[in-house]
Amino acid sequence: MSTHNLAQARRLGDEILFLHQGRLVERAPVDRFFKQPASAEAAAFIKG
């Protein structure tokens, strides 16, 4: 499923595939993605 809704991703997802400008920047279990994003792009997206 694709979404830009962070809360929905938390509710429904087991893993996150994070895209930025057409690139797969990060792939991680949902809890780790939101608590410890491994990329600057993901961290910025989570913070809005």
All heavy atoms as atom14 arrays in JSON, in Angstrom:
{
  "sequence": "MSTHNLAQARRLGDEILFLHQGRLVERAPVDRFFKQPASAEAAAFIKG",
  "atom14_mask": [
    [1, 1, 1, 1, 1, 1, 1, 1, 0, 0, 0, 0, 0, 0],
    [1, 1, 1, 1, 1, 1, 0, 0, 0, 0, 0, 0, 0, 0],
    [1, 1, 1, 1, 1, 1, 1, 0, 0, 0, 0, 0, 0, 0],
    [1, 1, 1, 1, 1, 1, 1, 1, 1, 1, 0, 0, 0, 0],
    [1, 1, 1, 1, 1, 1, 1, 1, 0, 0, 0, 0, 0, 0],
    [1, 1, 1, 1, 1, 1, 1, 1, 0, 0, 0, 0, 0, 0],
    [1, 1, 1, 1, 1, 0, 0, 0, 0, 0, 0, 0, 0, 0],
    [1, 1, 1, 1, 1, 1, 1, 1, 1, 0, 0, 0, 0, 0],
    [1, 1, 1, 1, 1, 0, 0, 0, 0, 0, 0, 0, 0, 0],
    [1, 1, 1, 1, 1, 1, 1, 1, 1, 1, 1, 0, 0, 0],
    [1, 1, 1, 1, 1, 1, 1, 1, 1, 1, 1, 0, 0, 0],
    [1, 1, 1, 1, 1, 1, 1, 1, 0, 0, 0, 0, 0, 0],
    [1, 1, 1, 1, 0, 0, 0, 0, 0, 0, 0, 0, 0, 0],
    [1, 1, 1, 1, 1, 1, 1, 1, 0, 0, 0, 0, 0, 0],
    [1, 1, 1, 1, 1, 1, 1, 1, 1, 0, 0, 0, 0, 0],
    [1, 1, 1, 1, 1, 1, 1, 1, 0, 0, 0, 0, 0, 0],
    [1, 1, 1, 1, 1, 1, 1, 1, 0, 0, 0, 0, 0, 0],
    [1, 1, 1, 1, 1, 1, 1, 1, 1, 1, 1, 0, 0, 0],
    [1, 1, 1, 1, 1, 1, 1, 1, 0, 0, 0, 0, 0, 0],
    [1, 1, 1, 1, 1, 1, 1, 1, 1, 1, 0, 0, 0, 0],
    [1, 1, 1, 1, 1, 1, 1, 1, 1, 0, 0, 0, 0, 0],
    [1, 1, 1, 1, 0, 0, 0, 0, 0, 0, 0, 0, 0, 0],
    [1, 1, 1, 1, 1, 1, 1, 1, 1, 1, 1, 0, 0, 0],
    [1, 1, 1, 1, 1, 1, 1, 1, 0, 0, 0, 0, 0, 0],
    [1, 1, 1, 1, 1, 1, 1, 0, 0, 0, 0, 0, 0, 0],
    [1, 1, 1, 1, 1, 1, 1, 1, 1, 0, 0, 0, 0, 0],
    [1, 1, 1, 1, 1, 1, 1, 1, 1, 1, 1, 0, 0, 0],
    [1, 1, 1, 1, 1, 0, 0, 0, 0, 0, 0, 0, 0, 0],
    [1, 1, 1, 1, 1, 1, 1, 0, 0, 0, 0, 0, 0, 0],
    [1, 1, 1, 1, 1, 1, 1, 0, 0, 0, 0, 0, 0, 0],
    [1, 1, 1, 1, 1, 1, 1, 1, 0, 0, 0, 0, 0, 0],
    [1, 1, 1, 1, 1, 1, 1, 1, 1, 1, 1, 0, 0, 0],
    [1, 1, 1, 1, 1, 1, 1, 1, 1, 1, 1, 0, 0, 0],
    [1, 1, 1, 1, 1, 1, 1, 1, 1, 1, 1, 0, 0, 0],
    [1, 1, 1, 1, 1, 1, 1, 1, 1, 0, 0, 0, 0, 0],
    [1, 1, 1, 1, 1, 1, 1, 1, 1, 0, 0, 0, 0, 0],
    [1, 1, 1, 1, 1, 1, 1, 0, 0, 0, 0, 0, 0, 0],
    [1, 1, 1, 1, 1, 0, 0, 0, 0, 0, 0, 0, 0, 0],
    [1, 1, 1, 1, 1, 1, 0, 0, 0, 0, 0, 0, 0, 0],
    [1, 1, 1, 1, 1, 0, 0, 0, 0, 0, 0, 0, 0, 0],
    [1, 1, 1, 1, 1, 1, 1, 1, 1, 0, 0, 0, 0, 0],
    [1, 1, 1, 1, 1, 0, 0, 0, 0, 0, 0, 0, 0, 0],
    [1, 1, 1, 1, 1, 0, 0, 0, 0, 0, 0, 0, 0, 0],
    [1, 1, 1, 1, 1, 0, 0, 0, 0, 0, 0, 0, 0, 0],
    [1, 1, 1, 1, 1, 1, 1, 1, 1, 1, 1, 0, 0, 0],
    [1, 1, 1, 1, 1, 1, 1, 1, 0, 0, 0, 0, 0, 0],
    [1, 1, 1, 1, 1, 1, 1, 1, 1, 0, 0, 0, 0, 0],
    [1, 1, 1, 1, 0, 0, 0, 0, 0, 0, 0, 0, 0, 0]
  ],
  "atom14_positions": [
    [[0.83, -1.21, 0.0], [0.0, 0.0, 0.0], [0.86, 1.25, 0.0], [1.86, 1.33, 0.73], [-0.91, -0.02, 1.23], [-1.72, 1.24, 1.44], [-2.83, 1.05, 2.86], [-3.13, 2.77, 3.24], [0.0, 0.0, 0.0], [0.0, 0.0, 0.0], [0.0, 0.0, 0.0], [0.0, 0.0, 0.0], [0.0, 0.0, 0.0], [0.0, 0.0, 0.0]],
    [[0.47, 2.23, -0.8], [1.15, 3.52, -0.8], [0.34, 4.54, -0.02], [-0.9, 4.51, -0.03], [1.37, 4.01, -2.23], [0.13, 4.32, -2.84], [0.0, 0.0, 0.0], [0.0, 0.0, 0.0], [0.0, 0.0, 0.0], [0.0, 0.0, 0.0], [0.0, 0.0, 0.0], [0.0, 0.0, 0.0], [0.0, 0.0, 0.0], [0.0, 0.0, 0.0]],
    [[1.04, 5.42, 0.67], [0.39, 6.5, 1.41], [1.44, 7.56, 1.73], [2.64, 7.32, 1.64], [-0.25, 5.98, 2.72], [-0.96, 7.05, 3.35], [0.8, 5.46, 3.69], [0.0, 0.0, 0.0], [0.0, 0.0, 0.0], [0.0, 0.0, 0.0], [0.0, 0.0, 0.0], [0.0, 0.0, 0.0], [0.0, 0.0, 0.0], [0.0, 0.0, 0.0]],
    [[0.96, 8.77, 2.06], [1.85, 9.77, 2.63], [1.42, 10.08, 4.06], [1.94, 11.01, 4.68], [1.88, 11.05, 1.78], [0.55, 11.69, 1.61], [-0.18, 11.61, 0.44], [-0.22, 12.41, 2.46], [-1.32, 12.27, 0.58], [-1.37, 12.76, 1.8], [0.0, 0.0, 0.0], [0.0, 0.0, 0.0], [0.0, 0.0, 0.0], [0.0, 0.0, 0.0]],
    [[0.48, 9.29, 4.59], [-0.08, 9.49, 5.91], [0.73, 8.69, 6.94], [0.68, 7.46, 6.97], [-1.54, 9.04, 5.9], [-2.26, 9.31, 7.2], [-1.75, 9.04, 8.27], [-3.47, 9.84, 7.1], [0.0, 0.0, 0.0], [0.0, 0.0, 0.0], [0.0, 0.0, 0.0], [0.0, 0.0, 0.0], [0.0, 0.0, 0.0], [0.0, 0.0, 0.0]],
    [[1.47, 9.39, 7.79], [2.36, 8.73, 8.74], [1.58, 7.88, 9.74], [1.98, 6.74, 10.05], [3.19, 9.76, 9.49], [4.16, 10.59, 8.66], [4.86, 11.63, 9.53], [5.2, 9.7, 7.98], [0.0, 0.0, 0.0], [0.0, 0.0, 0.0], [0.0, 0.0, 0.0], [0.0, 0.0, 0.0], [0.0, 0.0, 0.0], [0.0, 0.0, 0.0]],
    [[0.48, 8.41, 10.27], [-0.3, 7.67, 11.26], [-0.88, 6.4, 10.65], [-0.9, 5.34, 11.28], [-1.41, 8.55, 11.83], [0.0, 0.0, 0.0], [0.0, 0.0, 0.0], [0.0, 0.0, 0.0], [0.0, 0.0, 0.0], [0.0, 0.0, 0.0], [0.0, 0.0, 0.0], [0.0, 0.0, 0.0], [0.0, 0.0, 0.0], [0.0, 0.0, 0.0]],
    [[-1.33, 6.5, 9.41], [-1.88, 5.32, 8.74], [-0.8, 4.27, 8.51], [-1.04, 3.06, 8.67], [-2.51, 5.73, 7.43], [-3.23, 4.6, 6.7], [-3.99, 5.12, 5.5], [-3.4, 5.48, 4.5], [-5.32, 5.16, 5.61], [0.0, 0.0, 0.0], [0.0, 0.0, 0.0], [0.0, 0.0, 0.0], [0.0, 0.0, 0.0], [0.0, 0.0, 0.0]],
    [[0.38, 4.71, 8.13], [1.48, 3.78, 7.92], [1.8, 3.03, 9.21], [2.07, 1.82, 9.19], [2.72, 4.54, 7.43], [0.0, 0.0, 0.0], [0.0, 0.0, 0.0], [0.0, 0.0, 0.0], [0.0, 0.0, 0.0], [0.0, 0.0, 0.0], [0.0, 0.0, 0.0], [0.0, 0.0, 0.0], [0.0, 0.0, 0.0], [0.0, 0.0, 0.0]],
    [[1.76, 3.73, 10.34], [1.99, 3.08, 11.64], [0.91, 2.05, 11.94], [1.19, 0.96, 12.44], [2.01, 4.12, 12.75], [3.25, 5.0, 12.83], [3.06, 6.01, 13.95], [4.16, 6.93, 14.09], [5.2, 6.75, 14.91], [5.28, 5.65, 15.62], [6.15, 7.66, 14.99], [0.0, 0.0, 0.0], [0.0, 0.0, 0.0], [0.0, 0.0, 0.0]],
    [[-0.35, 2.41, 11.64], [-1.47, 1.53, 11.98], [-1.5, 0.26, 11.14], [-1.84, -0.81, 11.64], [-2.8, 2.28, 11.8], [-3.08, 3.35, 12.83], [-4.52, 3.83, 12.76], [-4.86, 4.46, 11.49], [-4.76, 5.76, 11.26], [-4.32, 6.59, 12.19], [-5.12, 6.28, 10.09], [0.0, 0.0, 0.0], [0.0, 0.0, 0.0], [0.0, 0.0, 0.0]],
    [[-1.15, 0.38, 9.87], [-1.38, -0.73, 8.95], [-0.12, -1.49, 8.54], [-0.2, -2.61, 8.05], [-2.07, -0.22, 7.68], [-3.45, 0.41, 7.85], [-3.99, 0.88, 6.5], [-4.43, -0.57, 8.49], [0.0, 0.0, 0.0], [0.0, 0.0, 0.0], [0.0, 0.0, 0.0], [0.0, 0.0, 0.0], [0.0, 0.0, 0.0], [0.0, 0.0, 0.0]],
    [[1.04, -0.87, 8.72], [2.25, -1.45, 8.16], [3.04, -2.33, 9.1], [3.03, -2.15, 10.32], [0.0, 0.0, 0.0], [0.0, 0.0, 0.0], [0.0, 0.0, 0.0], [0.0, 0.0, 0.0], [0.0, 0.0, 0.0], [0.0, 0.0, 0.0], [0.0, 0.0, 0.0], [0.0, 0.0, 0.0], [0.0, 0.0, 0.0], [0.0, 0.0, 0.0]],
    [[3.73, -3.29, 8.52], [4.76, -4.06, 9.22], [6.15, -3.58, 8.82], [7.08, -3.63, 9.62], [4.62, -5.55, 8.9], [3.32, -6.12, 9.42], [3.06, -6.0, 10.63], [2.55, -6.68, 8.61], [0.0, 0.0, 0.0], [0.0, 0.0, 0.0], [0.0, 0.0, 0.0], [0.0, 0.0, 0.0], [0.0, 0.0, 0.0], [0.0, 0.0, 0.0]],
    [[6.27, -3.12, 7.57], [7.52, -2.56, 7.1], [7.24, -1.34, 6.25], [6.16, -1.19, 5.67], [8.34, -3.58, 6.31], [7.75, -3.93, 4.95], [8.74, -4.62, 4.03], [9.92, -4.76, 4.42], [8.33, -4.98, 2.92], [0.0, 0.0, 0.0], [0.0, 0.0, 0.0], [0.0, 0.0, 0.0], [0.0, 0.0, 0.0], [0.0, 0.0, 0.0]],
    [[8.24, -0.45, 6.18], [8.14, 0.77, 5.39], [9.14, 0.72, 4.25], [10.32, 0.4, 4.46], [8.42, 2.02, 6.26], [7.43, 2.12, 7.42], [8.38, 3.29, 5.39], [6.0, 2.34, 7.03], [0.0, 0.0, 0.0], [0.0, 0.0, 0.0], [0.0, 0.0, 0.0], [0.0, 0.0, 0.0], [0.0, 0.0, 0.0], [0.0, 0.0, 0.0]],
    [[8.67, 1.05, 3.05], [9.54, 1.31, 1.9], [9.44, 2.81, 1.65], [8.4, 3.29, 1.22], [9.07, 0.53, 0.68], [8.88, -0.98, 0.82], [8.32, -1.58, -0.45], [10.19, -1.65, 1.19], [0.0, 0.0, 0.0], [0.0, 0.0, 0.0], [0.0, 0.0, 0.0], [0.0, 0.0, 0.0], [0.0, 0.0, 0.0], [0.0, 0.0, 0.0]],
    [[10.51, 3.55, 1.96], [10.45, 5.0, 1.88], [11.07, 5.49, 0.58], [12.24, 5.23, 0.29], [11.19, 5.64, 3.06], [11.2, 7.14, 3.01], [10.03, 7.86, 3.17], [12.38, 7.83, 2.76], [10.03, 9.24, 3.11], [12.38, 9.22, 2.69], [11.2, 9.93, 2.86], [0.0, 0.0, 0.0], [0.0, 0.0, 0.0], [0.0, 0.0, 0.0]],
    [[10.23, 6.18, -0.22], [10.68, 6.73, -1.49], [10.93, 8.22, -1.36], [10.17, 8.93, -0.7], [9.63, 6.51, -2.59], [9.32, 5.11, -3.09], [8.44, 5.2, -4.33], [10.57, 4.32, -3.38], [0.0, 0.0, 0.0], [0.0, 0.0, 0.0], [0.0, 0.0, 0.0], [0.0, 0.0, 0.0], [0.0, 0.0, 0.0], [0.0, 0.0, 0.0]],
    [[11.97, 8.69, -2.04], [12.24, 10.12, -2.13], [12.78, 10.42, -3.52], [13.8, 9.86, -3.93], [13.27, 10.54, -1.07], [13.63, 11.99, -1.13], [12.71, 13.0, -0.96], [14.83, 12.61, -1.36], [13.31, 14.17, -1.07], [14.59, 13.96, -1.32], [0.0, 0.0, 0.0], [0.0, 0.0, 0.0], [0.0, 0.0, 0.0], [0.0, 0.0, 0.0]],
    [[12.05, 11.25, -4.25], [12.44, 11.64, -5.6], [12.77, 10.43, -6.48], [13.76, 10.41, -7.2], [13.62, 12.61, -5.54], [13.26, 13.92, -4.85], [14.4, 14.92, -4.8], [15.54, 14.6, -5.15], [14.1, 16.13, -4.37], [0.0, 0.0, 0.0], [0.0, 0.0, 0.0], [0.0, 0.0, 0.0], [0.0, 0.0, 0.0], [0.0, 0.0, 0.0]],
    [[11.88, 9.42, -6.41], [12.0, 8.25, -7.28], [12.99, 7.2, -6.85], [13.16, 6.19, -7.53], [0.0, 0.0, 0.0], [0.0, 0.0, 0.0], [0.0, 0.0, 0.0], [0.0, 0.0, 0.0], [0.0, 0.0, 0.0], [0.0, 0.0, 0.0], [0.0, 0.0, 0.0], [0.0, 0.0, 0.0], [0.0, 0.0, 0.0], [0.0, 0.0, 0.0]],
    [[13.64, 7.41, -5.72], [14.63, 6.45, -5.23], [14.13, 5.77, -3.96], [13.46, 6.39, -3.14], [15.95, 7.15, -4.93], [16.64, 7.74, -6.15], [17.92, 8.48, -5.77], [17.62, 9.64, -4.95], [17.98, 9.77, -3.67], [18.62, 8.79, -3.05], [17.68, 10.87, -3.0], [0.0, 0.0, 0.0], [0.0, 0.0, 0.0], [0.0, 0.0, 0.0]],
    [[14.45, 4.48, -3.82], [14.16, 3.76, -2.58], [15.27, 4.1, -1.6], [16.37, 3.55, -1.66], [14.09, 2.26, -2.83], [13.79, 1.4, -1.59], [12.44, 1.76, -0.98], [13.83, -0.09, -1.96], [0.0, 0.0, 0.0], [0.0, 0.0, 0.0], [0.0, 0.0, 0.0], [0.0, 0.0, 0.0], [0.0, 0.0, 0.0], [0.0, 0.0, 0.0]],
    [[14.98, 5.02, -0.7], [16.0, 5.53, 0.22], [16.18, 4.63, 1.42], [17.28, 4.48, 1.94], [15.63, 6.97, 0.67], [16.58, 7.47, 1.75], [15.63, 7.91, -0.52], [0.0, 0.0, 0.0], [0.0, 0.0, 0.0], [0.0, 0.0, 0.0], [0.0, 0.0, 0.0], [0.0, 0.0, 0.0], [0.0, 0.0, 0.0], [0.0, 0.0, 0.0]],
    [[15.07, 4.02, 1.86], [15.15, 3.25, 3.1], [14.07, 2.17, 3.12], [12.95, 2.38, 2.64], [14.97, 4.19, 4.3], [15.25, 3.56, 5.63], [15.35, 4.59, 6.76], [15.53, 5.8, 6.46], [15.25, 4.17, 7.92], [0.0, 0.0, 0.0], [0.0, 0.0, 0.0], [0.0, 0.0, 0.0], [0.0, 0.0, 0.0], [0.0, 0.0, 0.0]],
    [[14.42, 1.03, 3.7], [13.47, -0.05, 3.94], [13.72, -0.57, 5.34], [14.83, -0.96, 5.67], [13.65, -1.18, 2.92], [12.65, -2.32, 3.1], [12.82, -3.38, 2.03], [11.71, -4.3, 2.02], [11.53, -5.27, 1.12], [12.43, -5.42, 0.14], [10.48, -6.07, 1.18], [0.0, 0.0, 0.0], [0.0, 0.0, 0.0], [0.0, 0.0, 0.0]],
    [[12.68, -0.58, 6.18], [12.87, -0.95, 7.58], [11.56, -1.38, 8.21], [10.48, -0.97, 7.74], [13.45, 0.23, 8.36], [0.0, 0.0, 0.0], [0.0, 0.0, 0.0], [0.0, 0.0, 0.0], [0.0, 0.0, 0.0], [0.0, 0.0, 0.0], [0.0, 0.0, 0.0], [0.0, 0.0, 0.0], [0.0, 0.0, 0.0], [0.0, 0.0, 0.0]],
    [[11.61, -2.19, 9.3], [10.4, -2.46, 10.06], [9.78, -1.15, 10.53], [10.49, -0.18, 10.78], [10.9, -3.3, 11.24], [12.17, -3.92, 10.75], [12.79, -2.9, 9.84], [0.0, 0.0, 0.0], [0.0, 0.0, 0.0], [0.0, 0.0, 0.0], [0.0, 0.0, 0.0], [0.0, 0.0, 0.0], [0.0, 0.0, 0.0], [0.0, 0.0, 0.0]],
    [[8.46, -1.11, 10.66], [7.77, 0.14, 10.92], [8.25, 0.82, 12.2], [8.48, 2.04, 12.22], [6.24, -0.07, 10.92], [5.79, -0.98, 12.04], [5.51, 1.26, 10.97], [0.0, 0.0, 0.0], [0.0, 0.0, 0.0], [0.0, 0.0, 0.0], [0.0, 0.0, 0.0], [0.0, 0.0, 0.0], [0.0, 0.0, 0.0], [0.0, 0.0, 0.0]],
    [[8.43, 0.07, 13.28], [8.87, 0.68, 14.54], [10.25, 1.31, 14.4], [10.48, 2.43, 14.87], [8.87, -0.36, 15.66], [7.46, -0.75, 16.1], [6.53, 0.01, 15.79], [7.31, -1.79, 16.76], [0.0, 0.0, 0.0], [0.0, 0.0, 0.0], [0.0, 0.0, 0.0], [0.0, 0.0, 0.0], [0.0, 0.0, 0.0], [0.0, 0.0, 0.0]],
    [[11.16, 0.59, 13.78], [12.51, 1.13, 13.64], [12.53, 2.34, 12.72], [13.27, 3.3, 12.97], [13.46, 0.05, 13.09], [14.94, 0.47, 13.15], [15.82, -0.67, 12.78], [15.84, -0.9, 11.34], [16.19, -2.05, 10.77], [16.49, -3.1, 11.52], [16.18, -2.17, 9.45], [0.0, 0.0, 0.0], [0.0, 0.0, 0.0], [0.0, 0.0, 0.0]],
    [[11.72, 2.3, 11.67], [11.7, 3.43, 10.74], [11.31, 4.71, 11.46], [11.92, 5.76, 11.26], [10.73, 3.15, 9.6], [10.57, 4.3, 8.65], [11.49, 4.51, 7.63], [9.51, 5.19, 8.78], [11.36, 5.6, 6.76], [9.37, 6.27, 7.92], [10.3, 6.47, 6.92], [0.0, 0.0, 0.0], [0.0, 0.0, 0.0], [0.0, 0.0, 0.0]],
    [[10.27, 4.64, 12.28], [9.8, 5.86, 12.94], [10.67, 6.26, 14.14], [10.8, 7.45, 14.43], [8.35, 5.69, 13.36], [7.38, 5.79, 12.21], [6.76, 4.67, 11.7], [7.11, 7.02, 11.62], [5.88, 4.76, 10.63], [6.25, 7.12, 10.54], [5.62, 6.0, 10.05], [0.0, 0.0, 0.0], [0.0, 0.0, 0.0], [0.0, 0.0, 0.0]],
    [[11.26, 5.29, 14.81], [12.08, 5.63, 15.98], [13.52, 5.97, 15.61], [14.14, 6.84, 16.23], [12.07, 4.45, 16.97], [10.73, 4.22, 17.64], [10.79, 3.01, 18.57], [9.43, 2.77, 19.24], [9.45, 1.55, 20.09], [0.0, 0.0, 0.0], [0.0, 0.0, 0.0], [0.0, 0.0, 0.0], [0.0, 0.0, 0.0], [0.0, 0.0, 0.0]],
    [[14.04, 5.27, 14.61], [15.45, 5.46, 14.24], [15.61, 5.47, 12.72], [16.21, 4.56, 12.16], [16.32, 4.36, 14.85], [16.38, 4.36, 16.36], [17.23, 3.2, 16.88], [17.05, 2.04, 16.5], [18.17, 3.52, 17.75], [0.0, 0.0, 0.0], [0.0, 0.0, 0.0], [0.0, 0.0, 0.0], [0.0, 0.0, 0.0], [0.0, 0.0, 0.0]],
    [[15.07, 6.47, 12.04], [15.25, 6.52, 10.59], [16.73, 6.57, 10.23], [17.51, 7.27, 10.87], [14.52, 7.8, 10.2], [14.48, 8.63, 11.44], [14.37, 7.66, 12.58], [0.0, 0.0, 0.0], [0.0, 0.0, 0.0], [0.0, 0.0, 0.0], [0.0, 0.0, 0.0], [0.0, 0.0, 0.0], [0.0, 0.0, 0.0], [0.0, 0.0, 0.0]],
    [[17.09, 5.81, 9.2], [18.51, 5.68, 8.86], [18.97, 6.72, 7.83], [20.16, 6.82, 7.56], [18.78, 4.27, 8.32], [0.0, 0.0, 0.0], [0.0, 0.0, 0.0], [0.0, 0.0, 0.0], [0.0, 0.0, 0.0], [0.0, 0.0, 0.0], [0.0, 0.0, 0.0], [0.0, 0.0, 0.0], [0.0, 0.0, 0.0], [0.0, 0.0, 0.0]],
    [[18.04, 7.48, 7.27], [18.41, 8.46, 6.26], [17.93, 9.85, 6.67], [16.93, 10.0, 7.38], [17.78, 8.1, 4.91], [16.36, 8.16, 4.99], [0.0, 0.0, 0.0], [0.0, 0.0, 0.0], [0.0, 0.0, 0.0], [0.0, 0.0, 0.0], [0.0, 0.0, 0.0], [0.0, 0.0, 0.0], [0.0, 0.0, 0.0], [0.0, 0.0, 0.0]],
    [[18.67, 10.85, 6.23], [18.29, 12.23, 6.53], [16.94, 12.57, 5.9], [16.13, 13.31, 6.49], [19.37, 13.18, 6.02], [0.0, 0.0, 0.0], [0.0, 0.0, 0.0], [0.0, 0.0, 0.0], [0.0, 0.0, 0.0], [0.0, 0.0, 0.0], [0.0, 0.0, 0.0], [0.0, 0.0, 0.0], [0.0, 0.0, 0.0], [0.0, 0.0, 0.0]],
    [[16.68, 12.01, 4.71], [15.4, 12.29, 4.03], [14.22, 11.73, 4.83], [13.2, 12.41, 4.97], [15.41, 11.69, 2.62], [16.41, 12.32, 1.68], [17.76, 11.6, 1.7], [18.01, 10.82, 2.64], [18.54, 11.81, 0.76], [0.0, 0.0, 0.0], [0.0, 0.0, 0.0], [0.0, 0.0, 0.0], [0.0, 0.0, 0.0], [0.0, 0.0, 0.0]],
    [[14.36, 10.51, 5.34], [13.28, 9.92, 6.13], [13.07, 10.7, 7.42], [11.93, 10.94, 7.83], [13.58, 8.46, 6.42], [0.0, 0.0, 0.0], [0.0, 0.0, 0.0], [0.0, 0.0, 0.0], [0.0, 0.0, 0.0], [0.0, 0.0, 0.0], [0.0, 0.0, 0.0], [0.0, 0.0, 0.0], [0.0, 0.0, 0.0], [0.0, 0.0, 0.0]],
    [[14.14, 11.08, 8.08], [14.04, 11.83, 9.33], [13.31, 13.16, 9.09], [12.45, 13.57, 9.88], [15.42, 12.07, 9.91], [0.0, 0.0, 0.0], [0.0, 0.0, 0.0], [0.0, 0.0, 0.0], [0.0, 0.0, 0.0], [0.0, 0.0, 0.0], [0.0, 0.0, 0.0], [0.0, 0.0, 0.0], [0.0, 0.0, 0.0], [0.0, 0.0, 0.0]],
    [[13.64, 13.82, 7.99], [13.0, 15.09, 7.68], [11.52, 14.89, 7.35], [10.67, 15.7, 7.76], [13.72, 15.76, 6.51], [0.0, 0.0, 0.0], [0.0, 0.0, 0.0], [0.0, 0.0, 0.0], [0.0, 0.0, 0.0], [0.0, 0.0, 0.0], [0.0, 0.0, 0.0], [0.0, 0.0, 0.0], [0.0, 0.0, 0.0], [0.0, 0.0, 0.0]],
    [[11.21, 13.82, 6.64], [9.81, 13.54, 6.28], [8.98, 13.27, 7.53], [7.86, 13.78, 7.67], [9.75, 12.35, 5.34], [8.35, 11.99, 4.89], [7.66, 12.79, 4.02], [7.74, 10.83, 5.38], [6.37, 12.46, 3.62], [6.46, 10.5, 4.99], [5.77, 11.31, 4.11], [0.0, 0.0, 0.0], [0.0, 0.0, 0.0], [0.0, 0.0, 0.0]],
    [[9.51, 12.5, 8.46], [8.8, 12.17, 9.68], [8.53, 13.44, 10.5], [7.46, 13.61, 11.11], [9.59, 11.14, 10.51], [9.6, 9.79, 9.79], [9.0, 10.98, 11.9], [10.59, 8.79, 10.36], [0.0, 0.0, 0.0], [0.0, 0.0, 0.0], [0.0, 0.0, 0.0], [0.0, 0.0, 0.0], [0.0, 0.0, 0.0], [0.0, 0.0, 0.0]],
    [[9.47, 14.37, 10.48], [9.31, 15.62, 11.22], [8.47, 16.65, 10.47], [8.18, 17.72, 11.0], [10.69, 16.23, 11.48], [11.55, 15.41, 12.44], [12.93, 16.06, 12.61], [13.83, 15.26, 13.52], [15.18, 15.87, 13.62], [0.0, 0.0, 0.0], [0.0, 0.0, 0.0], [0.0, 0.0, 0.0], [0.0, 0.0, 0.0], [0.0, 0.0, 0.0]],
    [[8.07, 16.32, 9.25], [7.29, 17.27, 8.46], [8.13, 18.35, 7.85], [7.61, 19.4, 7.44], [0.0, 0.0, 0.0], [0.0, 0.0, 0.0], [0.0, 0.0, 0.0], [0.0, 0.0, 0.0], [0.0, 0.0, 0.0], [0.0, 0.0, 0.0], [0.0, 0.0, 0.0], [0.0, 0.0, 0.0], [0.0, 0.0, 0.0], [0.0, 0.0, 0.0]]
  ]
}
